[in-house]
Amino acid sequence: MKSEIIFEVIEAEEGGYCASALGYGITTQADSLAELRDMVRDAVACYFDDPDAAPGIIRLHFVRDEVLAR
């Protein structure tokens, strides 16, 4: 069974999204969620030269902060 890789996804202040892999030196960004999914797949494929060594599952973990004022 292939392993999985987890990306932490945040909304960029200037717009769009940034994704960073936990435990790997993989980071990418995109303007939309659809584009981000494609960019993450491409970044994982580029990082792992051997397709058999690449994780079989890519998980996107969305992190969002909310600030409430009184």
PDB file of N, CA and C in Angstrom:
ATOM      1  N   MET A   1       0.841  -1.181   0.000  1.00  0.00           N
ATOM      2  CA  MET A   1       0.000   0.000   0.000  1.00  0.00           C
ATOM      3  C   MET A   1       0.887   1.246   0.000  1.00  0.00           C
ATOM      4  N   LYS A   2       0.557   2.198  -0.836  1.00  0.00           N
ATOM      5  CA  LYS A   2       1.326   3.428  -0.914  1.00  0.00           C
ATOM      6  C   LYS A   2       0.962   4.351   0.242  1.00  0.00           C
ATOM      7  N   SER A   3       1.926   5.152   0.610  1.00  0.00           N
ATOM      8  CA  SER A   3       1.712   6.097   1.704  1.00  0.00           C
ATOM      9  C   SER A   3       0.978   7.340   1.215  1.00  0.00           C
ATOM     10  N   GLU A   4       0.792   8.273   2.130  1.00  0.00           N
ATOM     11  CA  GLU A   4       0.150   9.516   1.754  1.00  0.00           C
ATOM     12  C   GLU A   4       1.035  10.698   2.129  1.00  0.00           C
ATOM     13  N   ILE A   5       0.786  11.815   1.507  1.00  0.00           N
ATOM     14  CA  ILE A   5       1.480  13.051   1.803  1.00  0.00           C
ATOM     15  C   ILE A   5       0.412  14.092   2.122  1.00  0.00           C
ATOM     16  N   ILE A   6       0.686  14.909   3.142  1.00  0.00           N
ATOM     17  CA  ILE A   6      -0.289  15.899   3.595  1.00  0.00           C
ATOM     18  C   ILE A   6       0.245  17.295   3.312  1.00  0.00           C
ATOM     19  N   PHE A   7      -0.593  18.107   2.697  1.00  0.00           N
ATOM     20  CA  PHE A   7      -0.272  19.506   2.439  1.00  0.00           C
ATOM     21  C   PHE A   7      -1.127  20.386   3.329  1.00  0.00           C
ATOM     22  N   GLU A   8      -0.479  21.347   3.980  1.00  0.00           N
ATOM     23  CA  GLU A   8      -1.190  22.370   4.736  1.00  0.00           C
ATOM     24  C   GLU A   8      -1.505  23.494   3.766  1.00  0.00           C
ATOM     25  N   VAL A   9      -2.766  23.859   3.645  1.00  0.00           N
ATOM     26  CA  VAL A   9      -3.205  24.877   2.689  1.00  0.00           C
ATOM     27  C   VAL A   9      -3.720  26.090   3.459  1.00  0.00           C
ATOM     28  N   ILE A  10      -3.202  27.254   3.085  1.00  0.00           N
ATOM     29  CA  ILE A  10      -3.680  28.499   3.676  1.00  0.00           C
ATOM     30  C   ILE A  10      -4.072  29.458   2.561  1.00  0.00           C
ATOM     31  N   GLU A  11      -4.970  30.369   2.890  1.00  0.00           N
ATOM     32  CA  GLU A  11      -5.321  31.429   1.950  1.00  0.00           C
ATOM     33  C   GLU A  11      -4.260  32.515   2.063  1.00  0.00           C
ATOM     34  N   ALA A  12      -3.679  32.896   0.935  1.00  0.00           N
ATOM     35  CA  ALA A  12      -2.654  33.934   0.925  1.00  0.00           C
ATOM     36  C   ALA A  12      -3.291  35.304   1.149  1.00  0.00           C
ATOM     37  N   GLU A  13      -2.581  36.186   1.840  1.00  0.00           N
ATOM     38  CA  GLU A  13      -3.107  37.527   2.115  1.00  0.00           C
ATOM     39  C   GLU A  13      -3.381  38.298   0.830  1.00  0.00           C
ATOM     40  N   GLU A  14      -2.548  38.079  -0.178  1.00  0.00           N
ATOM     41  CA  GLU A  14      -2.703  38.797  -1.441  1.00  0.00           C
ATOM     42  C   GLU A  14      -3.698  38.113  -2.376  1.00  0.00           C
ATOM     43  N   GLY A  15      -4.300  37.032  -1.918  1.00  0.00           N
ATOM     44  CA  GLY A  15      -5.266  36.282  -2.719  1.00  0.00           C
ATOM     45  C   GLY A  15      -4.678  34.962  -3.159  1.00  0.00           C
ATOM     46  N   GLY A  16      -5.512  34.017  -3.426  1.00  0.00           N
ATOM     47  CA  GLY A  16      -5.055  32.700  -3.839  1.00  0.00           C
ATOM     48  C   GLY A  16      -4.747  31.813  -2.654  1.00  0.00           C
ATOM     49  N   TYR A  17      -3.995  30.743  -2.906  1.00  0.00           N
ATOM     50  CA  TYR A  17      -3.721  29.726  -1.896  1.00  0.00           C
ATOM     51  C   TYR A  17      -2.261  29.314  -1.936  1.00  0.00           C
ATOM     52  N   CYS A  18      -1.720  28.939  -0.773  1.00  0.00           N
ATOM     53  CA  CYS A  18      -0.366  28.395  -0.650  1.00  0.00           C
ATOM     54  C   CYS A  18      -0.484  27.016  -0.008  1.00  0.00           C
ATOM     55  N   ALA A  19       0.290  26.063  -0.511  1.00  0.00           N
ATOM     56  CA  ALA A  19       0.271  24.706   0.030  1.00  0.00           C
ATOM     57  C   ALA A  19       1.696  24.253   0.296  1.00  0.00           C
ATOM     58  N   SER A  20       1.922  23.707   1.489  1.00  0.00           N
ATOM     59  CA  SER A  20       3.234  23.200   1.880  1.00  0.00           C
ATOM     60  C   SER A  20       3.078  21.782   2.402  1.00  0.00           C
ATOM     61  N   ALA A  21       3.931  20.881   1.913  1.00  0.00           N
ATOM     62  CA  ALA A  21       3.890  19.489   2.348  1.00  0.00           C
ATOM     63  C   ALA A  21       4.518  19.358   3.725  1.00  0.00           C
ATOM     64  N   LEU A  22       3.882  18.618   4.596  1.00  0.00           N
ATOM     65  CA  LEU A  22       4.411  18.376   5.933  1.00  0.00           C
ATOM     66  C   LEU A  22       5.484  17.288   5.848  1.00  0.00           C
ATOM     67  N   GLY A  23       6.702  17.634   6.266  1.00  0.00           N
ATOM     68  CA  GLY A  23       7.783  16.662   6.266  1.00  0.00           C
ATOM     69  C   GLY A  23       8.557  16.576   4.967  1.00  0.00           C
ATOM     70  N   TYR A  24       8.206  17.368   3.986  1.00  0.00           N
ATOM     71  CA  TYR A  24       8.886  17.382   2.685  1.00  0.00           C
ATOM     72  C   TYR A  24       9.128  18.830   2.282  1.00  0.00           C
ATOM     73  N   GLY A  25      10.100  19.060   1.458  1.00  0.00           N
ATOM     74  CA  GLY A  25      10.394  20.395   0.967  1.00  0.00           C
ATOM     75  C   GLY A  25       9.611  20.735  -0.285  1.00  0.00           C
ATOM     76  N   ILE A  26       8.296  20.602  -0.208  1.00  0.00           N
ATOM     77  CA  ILE A  26       7.435  20.869  -1.369  1.00  0.00           C
ATOM     78  C   ILE A  26       6.475  21.997  -1.011  1.00  0.00           C
ATOM     79  N   THR A  27       6.519  23.066  -1.797  1.00  0.00           N
ATOM     80  CA  THR A  27       5.615  24.193  -1.606  1.00  0.00           C
ATOM     81  C   THR A  27       5.150  24.675  -2.971  1.00  0.00           C
ATOM     82  N   THR A  28       3.888  25.059  -3.056  1.00  0.00           N
ATOM     83  CA  THR A  28       3.359  25.594  -4.301  1.00  0.00           C
ATOM     84  C   THR A  28       2.244  26.582  -3.992  1.00  0.00           C
ATOM     85  N   GLN A  29       1.835  27.314  -4.997  1.00  0.00           N
ATOM     86  CA  GLN A  29       0.753  28.283  -4.807  1.00  0.00           C
ATOM     87  C   GLN A  29      -0.067  28.391  -6.085  1.00  0.00           C
ATOM     88  N   ALA A  30      -1.286  28.921  -5.933  1.00  0.00           N
ATOM     89  CA  ALA A  30      -2.187  29.052  -7.081  1.00  0.00           C
ATOM     90  C   ALA A  30      -3.260  30.079  -6.760  1.00  0.00           C
ATOM     91  N   ASP A  31      -3.935  30.543  -7.805  1.00  0.00           N
ATOM     92  CA  ASP A  31      -4.986  31.546  -7.644  1.00  0.00           C
ATOM     93  C   ASP A  31      -6.335  30.947  -7.269  1.00  0.00           C
ATOM     94  N   SER A  32      -6.582  29.693  -7.655  1.00  0.00           N
ATOM     95  CA  SER A  32      -7.871  29.056  -7.371  1.00  0.00           C
ATOM     96  C   SER A  32      -7.637  27.667  -6.797  1.00  0.00           C
ATOM     97  N   LEU A  33      -8.679  27.102  -6.200  1.00  0.00           N
ATOM     98  CA  LEU A  33      -8.556  25.748  -5.645  1.00  0.00           C
ATOM     99  C   LEU A  33      -8.318  24.705  -6.735  1.00  0.00           C
ATOM    100  N   ALA A  34      -8.992  24.865  -7.858  1.00  0.00           N
ATOM    101  CA  ALA A  34      -8.807  23.915  -8.961  1.00  0.00           C
ATOM    102  C   ALA A  34      -7.362  23.954  -9.457  1.00  0.00           C
ATOM    103  N   GLU A  35      -6.823  25.151  -9.597  1.00  0.00           N
ATOM    104  CA  GLU A  35      -5.434  25.293 -10.033  1.00  0.00           C
ATOM    105  C   GLU A  35      -4.481  24.753  -8.966  1.00  0.00           C
ATOM    106  N   LEU A  36      -4.809  24.970  -7.686  1.00  0.00           N
ATOM    107  CA  LEU A  36      -3.963  24.472  -6.602  1.00  0.00           C
ATOM    108  C   LEU A  36      -3.871  22.949  -6.636  1.00  0.00           C
ATOM    109  N   ARG A  37      -4.977  22.290  -6.860  1.00  0.00           N
ATOM    110  CA  ARG A  37      -4.966  20.822  -6.937  1.00  0.00           C
ATOM    111  C   ARG A  37      -4.025  20.348  -8.041  1.00  0.00           C
ATOM    112  N   ASP A  38      -4.083  20.992  -9.197  1.00  0.00           N
ATOM    113  CA  ASP A  38      -3.188  20.632 -10.300  1.00  0.00           C
ATOM    114  C   ASP A  38      -1.730  20.919  -9.945  1.00  0.00           C
ATOM    115  N   MET A  39      -1.482  22.058  -9.314  1.00  0.00           N
ATOM    116  CA  MET A  39      -0.119  22.441  -8.952  1.00  0.00           C
ATOM    117  C   MET A  39       0.464  21.488  -7.903  1.00  0.00           C
ATOM    118  N   VAL A  40      -0.348  21.057  -6.949  1.00  0.00           N
ATOM    119  CA  VAL A  40       0.118  20.117  -5.926  1.00  0.00           C
ATOM    120  C   VAL A  40       0.468  18.778  -6.567  1.00  0.00           C
ATOM    121  N   ARG A  41      -0.387  18.284  -7.437  1.00  0.00           N
ATOM    122  CA  ARG A  41      -0.080  17.010  -8.132  1.00  0.00           C
ATOM    123  C   ARG A  41       1.218  17.118  -8.916  1.00  0.00           C
ATOM    124  N   ASP A  42       1.394  18.233  -9.624  1.00  0.00           N
ATOM    125  CA  ASP A  42       2.605  18.444 -10.416  1.00  0.00           C
ATOM    126  C   ASP A  42       3.843  18.551  -9.525  1.00  0.00           C
ATOM    127  N   ALA A  43       3.723  19.257  -8.407  1.00  0.00           N
ATOM    128  CA  ALA A  43       4.851  19.408  -7.489  1.00  0.00           C
ATOM    129  C   ALA A  43       5.266  18.069  -6.896  1.00  0.00           C
ATOM    130  N   VAL A  44       4.305  17.223  -6.541  1.00  0.00           N
ATOM    131  CA  VAL A  44       4.617  15.894  -5.999  1.00  0.00           C
ATOM    132  C   VAL A  44       5.299  15.042  -7.070  1.00  0.00           C
ATOM    133  N   ALA A  45       4.798  15.090  -8.297  1.00  0.00           N
ATOM    134  CA  ALA A  45       5.403  14.320  -9.390  1.00  0.00           C
ATOM    135  C   ALA A  45       6.841  14.768  -9.650  1.00  0.00           C
ATOM    136  N   CYS A  46       7.103  16.063  -9.555  1.00  0.00           N
ATOM    137  CA  CYS A  46       8.462  16.580  -9.778  1.00  0.00           C
ATOM    138  C   CYS A  46       9.395  16.217  -8.623  1.00  0.00           C
ATOM    139  N   TYR A  47       8.880  16.209  -7.406  1.00  0.00           N
ATOM    140  CA  TYR A  47       9.695  15.932  -6.223  1.00  0.00           C
ATOM    141  C   TYR A  47      10.137  14.465  -6.188  1.00  0.00           C
ATOM    142  N   PHE A  48       9.233  13.565  -6.516  1.00  0.00           N
ATOM    143  CA  PHE A  48       9.541  12.134  -6.503  1.00  0.00           C
ATOM    144  C   PHE A  48       9.876  11.696  -7.921  1.00  0.00           C
ATOM    145  N   ASP A  49      11.181  11.518  -8.188  1.00  0.00           N
ATOM    146  CA  ASP A  49      11.620  11.116  -9.523  1.00  0.00           C
ATOM    147  C   ASP A  49      11.060   9.755  -9.932  1.00  0.00           C
ATOM    148  N   ASP A  50      10.984   8.853  -8.955  1.00  0.00           N
ATOM    149  CA  ASP A  50      10.485   7.499  -9.206  1.00  0.00           C
ATOM    150  C   ASP A  50       8.991   7.449  -8.874  1.00  0.00           C
ATOM    151  N   PRO A  51       8.131   7.245  -9.865  1.00  0.00           N
ATOM    152  CA  PRO A  51       6.683   7.199  -9.591  1.00  0.00           C
ATOM    153  C   PRO A  51       6.295   6.152  -8.550  1.00  0.00           C
ATOM    154  N   ASP A  52       7.071   5.061  -8.444  1.00  0.00           N
ATOM    155  CA  ASP A  52       6.765   4.031  -7.454  1.00  0.00           C
ATOM    156  C   ASP A  52       7.053   4.502  -6.028  1.00  0.00           C
ATOM    157  N   ALA A  53       7.925   5.500  -5.875  1.00  0.00           N
ATOM    158  CA  ALA A  53       8.252   6.031  -4.552  1.00  0.00           C
ATOM    159  C   ALA A  53       7.290   7.131  -4.123  1.00  0.00           C
ATOM    160  N   ALA A  54       6.538   7.665  -5.067  1.00  0.00           N
ATOM    161  CA  ALA A  54       5.605   8.762  -4.764  1.00  0.00           C
ATOM    162  C   ALA A  54       4.417   8.248  -3.953  1.00  0.00           C
ATOM    163  N   PRO A  55       3.919   9.069  -3.027  1.00  0.00           N
ATOM    164  CA  PRO A  55       2.738   8.674  -2.252  1.00  0.00           C
ATOM    165  C   PRO A  55       1.529   8.472  -3.156  1.00  0.00           C
ATOM    166  N   GLY A  56       0.701   7.523  -2.789  1.00  0.00           N
ATOM    167  CA  GLY A  56      -0.491   7.241  -3.570  1.00  0.00           C
ATOM    168  C   GLY A  56      -1.652   8.158  -3.243  1.00  0.00           C
ATOM    169  N   ILE A  57      -1.588   8.799  -2.082  1.00  0.00           N
ATOM    170  CA  ILE A  57      -2.665   9.681  -1.644  1.00  0.00           C
ATOM    171  C   ILE A  57      -2.075  11.049  -1.311  1.00  0.00           C
ATOM    172  N   ILE A  58      -2.708  12.083  -1.813  1.00  0.00           N
ATOM    173  CA  ILE A  58      -2.345  13.464  -1.485  1.00  0.00           C
ATOM    174  C   ILE A  58      -3.526  14.054  -0.729  1.00  0.00           C
ATOM    175  N   ARG A  59      -3.252  14.467   0.506  1.00  0.00           N
ATOM    176  CA  ARG A  59      -4.315  15.036   1.346  1.00  0.00           C
ATOM    177  C   ARG A  59      -4.070  16.537   1.499  1.00  0.00           C
ATOM    178  N   LEU A  60      -5.112  17.332   1.293  1.00  0.00           N
ATOM    179  CA  LEU A  60      -5.041  18.771   1.484  1.00  0.00           C
ATOM    180  C   LEU A  60      -5.740  19.116   2.792  1.00  0.00           C
ATOM    181  N   HIS A  61      -4.986  19.704   3.713  1.00  0.00           N
ATOM    182  CA  HIS A  61      -5.527  20.100   5.018  1.00  0.00           C
ATOM    183  C   HIS A  61      -5.636  21.618   5.022  1.00  0.00           C
ATOM    184  N   PHE A  62      -6.857  22.121   5.040  1.00  0.00           N
ATOM    185  CA  PHE A  62      -7.102  23.557   4.967  1.00  0.00           C
ATOM    186  C   PHE A  62      -7.059  24.166   6.368  1.00  0.00           C
ATOM    187  N   VAL A  63      -6.237  25.200   6.520  1.00  0.00           N
ATOM    188  CA  VAL A  63      -6.085  25.902   7.784  1.00  0.00           C
ATOM    189  C   VAL A  63      -6.649  27.303   7.597  1.00  0.00           C
ATOM    190  N   ARG A  64      -7.550  27.663   8.474  1.00  0.00           N
ATOM    191  CA  ARG A  64      -8.188  28.977   8.341  1.00  0.00           C
ATOM    192  C   ARG A  64      -8.336  29.603   9.712  1.00  0.00           C
ATOM    193  N   ASP A  65      -7.888  30.820   9.839  1.00  0.00           N
ATOM    194  CA  ASP A  65      -8.044  31.575  11.074  1.00  0.00           C
ATOM    195  C   ASP A  65      -9.193  32.557  10.924  1.00  0.00           C
ATOM    196  N   GLU A  66      -9.979  32.692  11.968  1.00  0.00           N
ATOM    197  CA  GLU A  66     -11.035  33.688  11.989  1.00  0.00           C
ATOM    198  C   GLU A  66     -10.818  34.591  13.181  1.00  0.00           C
ATOM    199  N   VAL A  67     -10.930  35.867  12.948  1.00  0.00           N
ATOM    200  CA  VAL A  67     -10.793  36.838  14.016  1.00  0.00           C
ATOM    201  C   VAL A  67     -12.143  37.499  14.220  1.00  0.00           C
ATOM    202  N   LEU A  68     -12.626  37.443  15.458  1.00  0.00           N
ATOM    203  CA  LEU A  68     -13.910  38.059  15.778  1.00  0.00           C
ATOM    204  C   LEU A  68     -13.650  39.274  16.650  1.00  0.00           C
ATOM    205  N   ALA A  69     -14.280  40.388  16.314  1.00  0.00           N
ATOM    206  CA  ALA A  69     -14.156  41.595  17.113  1.00  0.00           C
ATOM    207  C   ALA A  69     -15.414  41.760  17.956  1.00  0.00           C
ATOM    208  N   ARG A  70     -15.249  42.323  19.117  1.00  0.00           N
ATOM    209  CA  ARG A  70     -16.405  42.569  19.996  1.00  0.00           C
ATOM    210  C   ARG A  70     -16.927  43.952  19.780  1.00  0.00           C
TER     211      ARG A  70
END
